[in-house]
Amino acid sequence: MRRSRFLAFAAVFVVASLFAVPGFSASTGTVASGTFGKVPWTLSATDAADGHVCITMTIHQKPTDRSAECGSIFGPQAGRAHGITYLAHTGAPAPDYIVGPVIARAKSVVIALPNRKTIRTRTVVPPKGMTAKIVFYVAKLPCPTLPTSVHGLDAGGRVVAHLAIPQLKPRGKPTC
């Protein structure tokens, strides 16, 4: 199994609510798009009034790579609510990245790496029609790296959301 599948499994495990939720909006909106180097990407999402969200990260290269996750960062459906979660990819062929929803009070997200370095990125406001309770973040990861945690920070730099990321032992050599 590729390293990216292990990390995707970890993201699914953390959210722990992979079921259809009545009330999701029928349309999917583009949250953000850009490039990692020369590789274009698009983050899209759909949500429900109760805070459930489905995100899809599409890497536009041949072949097109899509990863998706559904869950909630609020309330008992997500177990102990952390206010933030992630979807990540490491290894070839797509660039390494981490994306996800975070509570709207967060104005930036800090991604902690195993080497004690951090990546800080601003949050992205969702498109009109989505709930006002959630914002998103997108960051390119250095290869090969599995983040150790993600923190949502408010405008004053205080932690308003936090999630430790389980560290998986990758098989084989990094593919980057």
C-alpha atoms as a PDB file:
ATOM      1  CA  MET A   1       0.000   0.000   0.000  1.00  0.00           C
ATOM      2  CA  ARG A   2       1.413   3.402  -0.917  1.00  0.00           C
ATOM      3  CA  ARG A   3       2.389   5.846   1.777  1.00  0.00           C
ATOM      4  CA  SER A   4      -0.315   8.270   0.603  1.00  0.00           C
ATOM      5  CA  ARG A   5      -2.970   5.651   1.239  1.00  0.00           C
ATOM      6  CA  PHE A   6      -1.694   5.215   4.794  1.00  0.00           C
ATOM      7  CA  LEU A   7      -1.954   8.963   5.381  1.00  0.00           C
ATOM      8  CA  ALA A   8      -5.396   9.131   3.780  1.00  0.00           C
ATOM      9  CA  PHE A   9      -6.476   6.280   6.065  1.00  0.00           C
ATOM     10  CA  ALA A  10      -5.215   8.232   9.071  1.00  0.00           C
ATOM     11  CA  ALA A  11      -7.255  11.251   8.015  1.00  0.00           C
ATOM     12  CA  VAL A  12     -10.347   9.106   7.699  1.00  0.00           C
ATOM     13  CA  PHE A  13      -9.677   7.478  11.074  1.00  0.00           C
ATOM     14  CA  VAL A  14      -9.309  10.858  12.791  1.00  0.00           C
ATOM     15  CA  VAL A  15     -12.621  12.129  11.491  1.00  0.00           C
ATOM     16  CA  ALA A  16     -14.307   8.767  12.243  1.00  0.00           C
ATOM     17  CA  SER A  17     -17.610   9.681  10.656  1.00  0.00           C
ATOM     18  CA  LEU A  18     -17.713   8.389   7.126  1.00  0.00           C
ATOM     19  CA  PHE A  19     -21.420   8.204   6.506  1.00  0.00           C
ATOM     20  CA  ALA A  20     -23.967   9.981   4.382  1.00  0.00           C
ATOM     21  CA  VAL A  21     -25.455  12.939   6.194  1.00  0.00           C
ATOM     22  CA  PRO A  22     -28.904  14.196   5.243  1.00  0.00           C
ATOM     23  CA  GLY A  23     -28.981  17.905   4.541  1.00  0.00           C
ATOM     24  CA  PHE A  24     -25.788  18.284   2.524  1.00  0.00           C
ATOM     25  CA  SER A  25     -26.073  20.967  -0.092  1.00  0.00           C
ATOM     26  CA  ALA A  26     -26.531  19.639  -3.598  1.00  0.00           C
ATOM     27  CA  SER A  27     -23.724  21.693  -5.090  1.00  0.00           C
ATOM     28  CA  THR A  28     -20.020  21.587  -4.540  1.00  0.00           C
ATOM     29  CA  GLY A  29     -18.171  24.886  -4.408  1.00  0.00           C
ATOM     30  CA  THR A  30     -14.570  25.651  -5.227  1.00  0.00           C
ATOM     31  CA  VAL A  31     -12.902  26.769  -2.013  1.00  0.00           C
ATOM     32  CA  ALA A  32      -9.444  27.481  -3.428  1.00  0.00           C
ATOM     33  CA  SER A  33      -7.225  26.671  -6.375  1.00  0.00           C
ATOM     34  CA  GLY A  34      -3.626  27.258  -7.309  1.00  0.00           C
ATOM     35  CA  THR A  35      -0.428  25.455  -8.221  1.00  0.00           C
ATOM     36  CA  PHE A  36       2.187  23.473  -6.342  1.00  0.00           C
ATOM     37  CA  GLY A  37       5.184  24.250  -8.517  1.00  0.00           C
ATOM     38  CA  LYS A  38       3.756  23.721 -11.990  1.00  0.00           C
ATOM     39  CA  VAL A  39       1.021  21.296 -10.899  1.00  0.00           C
ATOM     40  CA  PRO A  40      -2.465  22.855 -10.683  1.00  0.00           C
ATOM     41  CA  TRP A  41      -4.863  21.861  -7.897  1.00  0.00           C
ATOM     42  CA  THR A  42      -8.430  22.613  -6.766  1.00  0.00           C
ATOM     43  CA  LEU A  43      -9.953  22.241  -3.294  1.00  0.00           C
ATOM     44  CA  SER A  44     -13.737  21.917  -3.381  1.00  0.00           C
ATOM     45  CA  ALA A  45     -16.280  21.312  -0.624  1.00  0.00           C
ATOM     46  CA  THR A  46     -19.916  20.878   0.247  1.00  0.00           C
ATOM     47  CA  ASP A  47     -21.417  21.201   3.709  1.00  0.00           C
ATOM     48  CA  ALA A  48     -24.487  20.826   5.908  1.00  0.00           C
ATOM     49  CA  ALA A  49     -25.927  23.262   8.442  1.00  0.00           C
ATOM     50  CA  ASP A  50     -24.863  20.986  11.332  1.00  0.00           C
ATOM     51  CA  GLY A  51     -21.173  21.388  10.466  1.00  0.00           C
ATOM     52  CA  HIS A  52     -20.567  18.241   8.430  1.00  0.00           C
ATOM     53  CA  VAL A  53     -18.360  18.911   5.435  1.00  0.00           C
ATOM     54  CA  CYS A  54     -17.033  16.915   2.487  1.00  0.00           C
ATOM     55  CA  ILE A  55     -13.802  18.104   0.886  1.00  0.00           C
ATOM     56  CA  THR A  56     -12.216  16.995  -2.367  1.00  0.00           C
ATOM     57  CA  MET A  57      -8.667  17.802  -3.385  1.00  0.00           C
ATOM     58  CA  THR A  58      -8.035  17.430  -7.112  1.00  0.00           C
ATOM     59  CA  ILE A  59      -4.533  17.445  -8.557  1.00  0.00           C
ATOM     60  CA  HIS A  60      -4.774  18.285 -12.259  1.00  0.00           C
ATOM     61  CA  GLN A  61      -2.036  16.230 -13.856  1.00  0.00           C
ATOM     62  CA  LYS A  62      -2.069  13.061 -15.888  1.00  0.00           C
ATOM     63  CA  PRO A  63      -3.557  10.973 -14.430  1.00  0.00           C
ATOM     64  CA  THR A  64      -5.849  13.256 -12.435  1.00  0.00           C
ATOM     65  CA  ASP A  65      -5.597  12.502  -8.713  1.00  0.00           C
ATOM     66  CA  ARG A  66      -8.597  13.065  -6.411  1.00  0.00           C
ATOM     67  CA  SER A  67      -8.756  12.536  -2.663  1.00  0.00           C
ATOM     68  CA  ALA A  68     -11.871  13.114  -0.587  1.00  0.00           C
ATOM     69  CA  GLU A  69     -13.047  13.053   3.024  1.00  0.00           C
ATOM     70  CA  CYS A  70     -16.323  13.707   4.842  1.00  0.00           C
ATOM     71  CA  GLY A  71     -16.906  14.408   8.509  1.00  0.00           C
ATOM     72  CA  SER A  72     -17.497  17.009  11.167  1.00  0.00           C
ATOM     73  CA  ILE A  73     -15.161  19.127  13.240  1.00  0.00           C
ATOM     74  CA  PHE A  74     -18.003  19.848  15.684  1.00  0.00           C
ATOM     75  CA  GLY A  75     -19.949  17.905  18.278  1.00  0.00           C
ATOM     76  CA  PRO A  76     -20.389  14.275  19.227  1.00  0.00           C
ATOM     77  CA  GLN A  77     -20.467  12.927  15.662  1.00  0.00           C
ATOM     78  CA  ALA A  78     -16.733  13.540  15.458  1.00  0.00           C
ATOM     79  CA  GLY A  79     -16.012  12.033  18.868  1.00  0.00           C
ATOM     80  CA  ARG A  80     -14.091  14.576  20.901  1.00  0.00           C
ATOM     81  CA  ALA A  81     -14.421  17.664  18.715  1.00  0.00           C
ATOM     82  CA  HIS A  82     -11.078  19.221  17.823  1.00  0.00           C
ATOM     83  CA  GLY A  83     -12.314  22.060  15.619  1.00  0.00           C
ATOM     84  CA  ILE A  84      -9.939  21.021  12.826  1.00  0.00           C
ATOM     85  CA  THR A  85      -9.118  18.006  10.698  1.00  0.00           C
ATOM     86  CA  TYR A  86      -7.089  17.244   7.594  1.00  0.00           C
ATOM     87  CA  LEU A  87      -6.741  15.391   4.337  1.00  0.00           C
ATOM     88  CA  ALA A  88      -3.144  14.828   3.263  1.00  0.00           C
ATOM     89  CA  HIS A  89      -1.096  13.178   0.535  1.00  0.00           C
ATOM     90  CA  THR A  90       2.545  12.154   0.486  1.00  0.00           C
ATOM     91  CA  GLY A  91       4.480  10.417  -2.238  1.00  0.00           C
ATOM     92  CA  ALA A  92       4.359  10.276  -6.009  1.00  0.00           C
ATOM     93  CA  PRO A  93       2.795  11.052  -8.352  1.00  0.00           C
ATOM     94  CA  ALA A  94       0.992  14.069  -6.829  1.00  0.00           C
ATOM     95  CA  PRO A  95       2.730  16.814  -4.822  1.00  0.00           C
ATOM     96  CA  ASP A  96       2.687  16.426  -1.039  1.00  0.00           C
ATOM     97  CA  TYR A  97      -0.025  18.537   0.603  1.00  0.00           C
ATOM     98  CA  ILE A  98      -2.315  18.954   3.585  1.00  0.00           C
ATOM     99  CA  VAL A  99      -5.774  20.572   3.408  1.00  0.00           C
ATOM    100  CA  GLY A 100      -8.815  20.715   5.620  1.00  0.00           C
ATOM    101  CA  PRO A 101     -11.610  22.521   7.409  1.00  0.00           C
ATOM    102  CA  VAL A 102     -11.157  24.448  10.660  1.00  0.00           C
ATOM    103  CA  ILE A 103     -13.519  26.488  12.825  1.00  0.00           C
ATOM    104  CA  ALA A 104     -14.192  29.986  11.517  1.00  0.00           C
ATOM    105  CA  ARG A 105     -12.468  31.686  14.480  1.00  0.00           C
ATOM    106  CA  ALA A 106      -9.152  30.430  13.063  1.00  0.00           C
ATOM    107  CA  LYS A 107      -7.390  33.012  10.919  1.00  0.00           C
ATOM    108  CA  SER A 108      -4.322  30.855  10.304  1.00  0.00           C
ATOM    109  CA  VAL A 109      -3.216  27.243  10.664  1.00  0.00           C
ATOM    110  CA  VAL A 110       0.151  26.015  11.875  1.00  0.00           C
ATOM    111  CA  ILE A 111       1.275  22.592  10.676  1.00  0.00           C
ATOM    112  CA  ALA A 112       3.934  21.012  12.913  1.00  0.00           C
ATOM    113  CA  LEU A 113       6.505  18.763  11.250  1.00  0.00           C
ATOM    114  CA  PRO A 114       8.571  15.985  12.888  1.00  0.00           C
ATOM    115  CA  ASN A 115      11.792  18.019  12.560  1.00  0.00           C
ATOM    116  CA  ARG A 116      10.237  20.718  14.819  1.00  0.00           C
ATOM    117  CA  LYS A 117       9.784  23.100  11.900  1.00  0.00           C
ATOM    118  CA  THR A 118       6.349  24.511  11.176  1.00  0.00           C
ATOM    119  CA  ILE A 119       4.368  25.703   8.185  1.00  0.00           C
ATOM    120  CA  ARG A 120       1.946  28.570   8.744  1.00  0.00           C
ATOM    121  CA  THR A 121      -0.829  29.298   6.269  1.00  0.00           C
ATOM    122  CA  ARG A 122      -3.797  31.674   6.259  1.00  0.00           C
ATOM    123  CA  THR A 123      -7.298  30.309   6.244  1.00  0.00           C
ATOM    124  CA  VAL A 124      -9.535  30.546   3.188  1.00  0.00           C
ATOM    125  CA  VAL A 125     -13.138  31.729   3.472  1.00  0.00           C
ATOM    126  CA  PRO A 126     -15.556  29.281   1.818  1.00  0.00           C
ATOM    127  CA  PRO A 127     -17.638  30.269  -1.196  1.00  0.00           C
ATOM    128  CA  LYS A 128     -21.060  31.869  -0.699  1.00  0.00           C
ATOM    129  CA  GLY A 129     -23.732  29.371   0.218  1.00  0.00           C
ATOM    130  CA  MET A 130     -21.561  27.384   2.622  1.00  0.00           C
ATOM    131  CA  THR A 131     -21.856  27.577   6.389  1.00  0.00           C
ATOM    132  CA  ALA A 132     -20.194  30.505   8.121  1.00  0.00           C
ATOM    133  CA  LYS A 133     -18.880  28.191  10.871  1.00  0.00           C
ATOM    134  CA  ILE A 134     -16.046  26.708   8.800  1.00  0.00           C
ATOM    135  CA  VAL A 135     -13.007  28.037   6.923  1.00  0.00           C
ATOM    136  CA  PHE A 136     -10.330  26.011   5.144  1.00  0.00           C
ATOM    137  CA  TYR A 137      -6.562  25.759   4.824  1.00  0.00           C
ATOM    138  CA  VAL A 138      -4.187  24.466   2.139  1.00  0.00           C
ATOM    139  CA  ALA A 139      -0.431  23.939   2.370  1.00  0.00           C
ATOM    140  CA  LYS A 140       2.269  22.178   0.378  1.00  0.00           C
ATOM    141  CA  LEU A 141       4.337  19.778   2.487  1.00  0.00           C
ATOM    142  CA  PRO A 142       8.048  19.137   2.141  1.00  0.00           C
ATOM    143  CA  CYS A 143       8.754  15.593   0.977  1.00  0.00           C
ATOM    144  CA  PRO A 144       8.971  13.182   2.704  1.00  0.00           C
ATOM    145  CA  THR A 145       7.093  14.417   5.757  1.00  0.00           C
ATOM    146  CA  LEU A 146       4.084  13.398   7.793  1.00  0.00           C
ATOM    147  CA  PRO A 147       2.869  16.348   9.924  1.00  0.00           C
ATOM    148  CA  THR A 148       2.626  15.707  13.665  1.00  0.00           C
ATOM    149  CA  SER A 149      -0.212  18.154  14.404  1.00  0.00           C
ATOM    150  CA  VAL A 150      -2.331  21.001  13.072  1.00  0.00           C
ATOM    151  CA  HIS A 151      -3.332  24.070  15.091  1.00  0.00           C
ATOM    152  CA  GLY A 152      -5.907  26.721  14.213  1.00  0.00           C
ATOM    153  CA  LEU A 153      -4.963  30.172  15.557  1.00  0.00           C
ATOM    154  CA  ASP A 154      -7.264  33.161  16.033  1.00  0.00           C
ATOM    155  CA  ALA A 155      -6.317  36.734  15.070  1.00  0.00           C
ATOM    156  CA  GLY A 156      -4.474  37.140  18.395  1.00  0.00           C
ATOM    157  CA  GLY A 157      -2.385  33.998  17.849  1.00  0.00           C
ATOM    158  CA  ARG A 158      -4.283  31.904  20.430  1.00  0.00           C
ATOM    159  CA  VAL A 159      -4.927  28.217  19.676  1.00  0.00           C
ATOM    160  CA  VAL A 160      -8.650  27.711  18.963  1.00  0.00           C
ATOM    161  CA  ALA A 161      -8.395  24.257  17.352  1.00  0.00           C
ATOM    162  CA  HIS A 162      -5.851  21.464  17.673  1.00  0.00           C
ATOM    163  CA  LEU A 163      -5.398  17.937  16.394  1.00  0.00           C
ATOM    164  CA  ALA A 164      -2.458  15.576  16.893  1.00  0.00           C
ATOM    165  CA  ILE A 165      -1.828  13.459  13.798  1.00  0.00           C
ATOM    166  CA  PRO A 166      -1.011   9.787  14.334  1.00  0.00           C
ATOM    167  CA  GLN A 167       2.399   8.933  12.953  1.00  0.00           C
ATOM    168  CA  LEU A 168       2.338   6.006  10.572  1.00  0.00           C
ATOM    169  CA  LYS A 169       5.383   3.995   9.767  1.00  0.00           C
ATOM    170  CA  PRO A 170       5.822   4.200   5.993  1.00  0.00           C
ATOM    171  CA  ARG A 171       6.829   1.127   4.032  1.00  0.00           C
ATOM    172  CA  GLY A 172       9.685   1.301   1.600  1.00  0.00           C
ATOM    173  CA  LYS A 173      11.593   4.375   0.497  1.00  0.00           C
ATOM    174  CA  PRO A 174       9.978   7.781  -0.101  1.00  0.00           C
ATOM    175  CA  THR A 175       8.787   8.243  -3.676  1.00  0.00           C
ATOM    176  CA  CYS A 176       9.652  11.905  -3.953  1.00  0.00           C
END
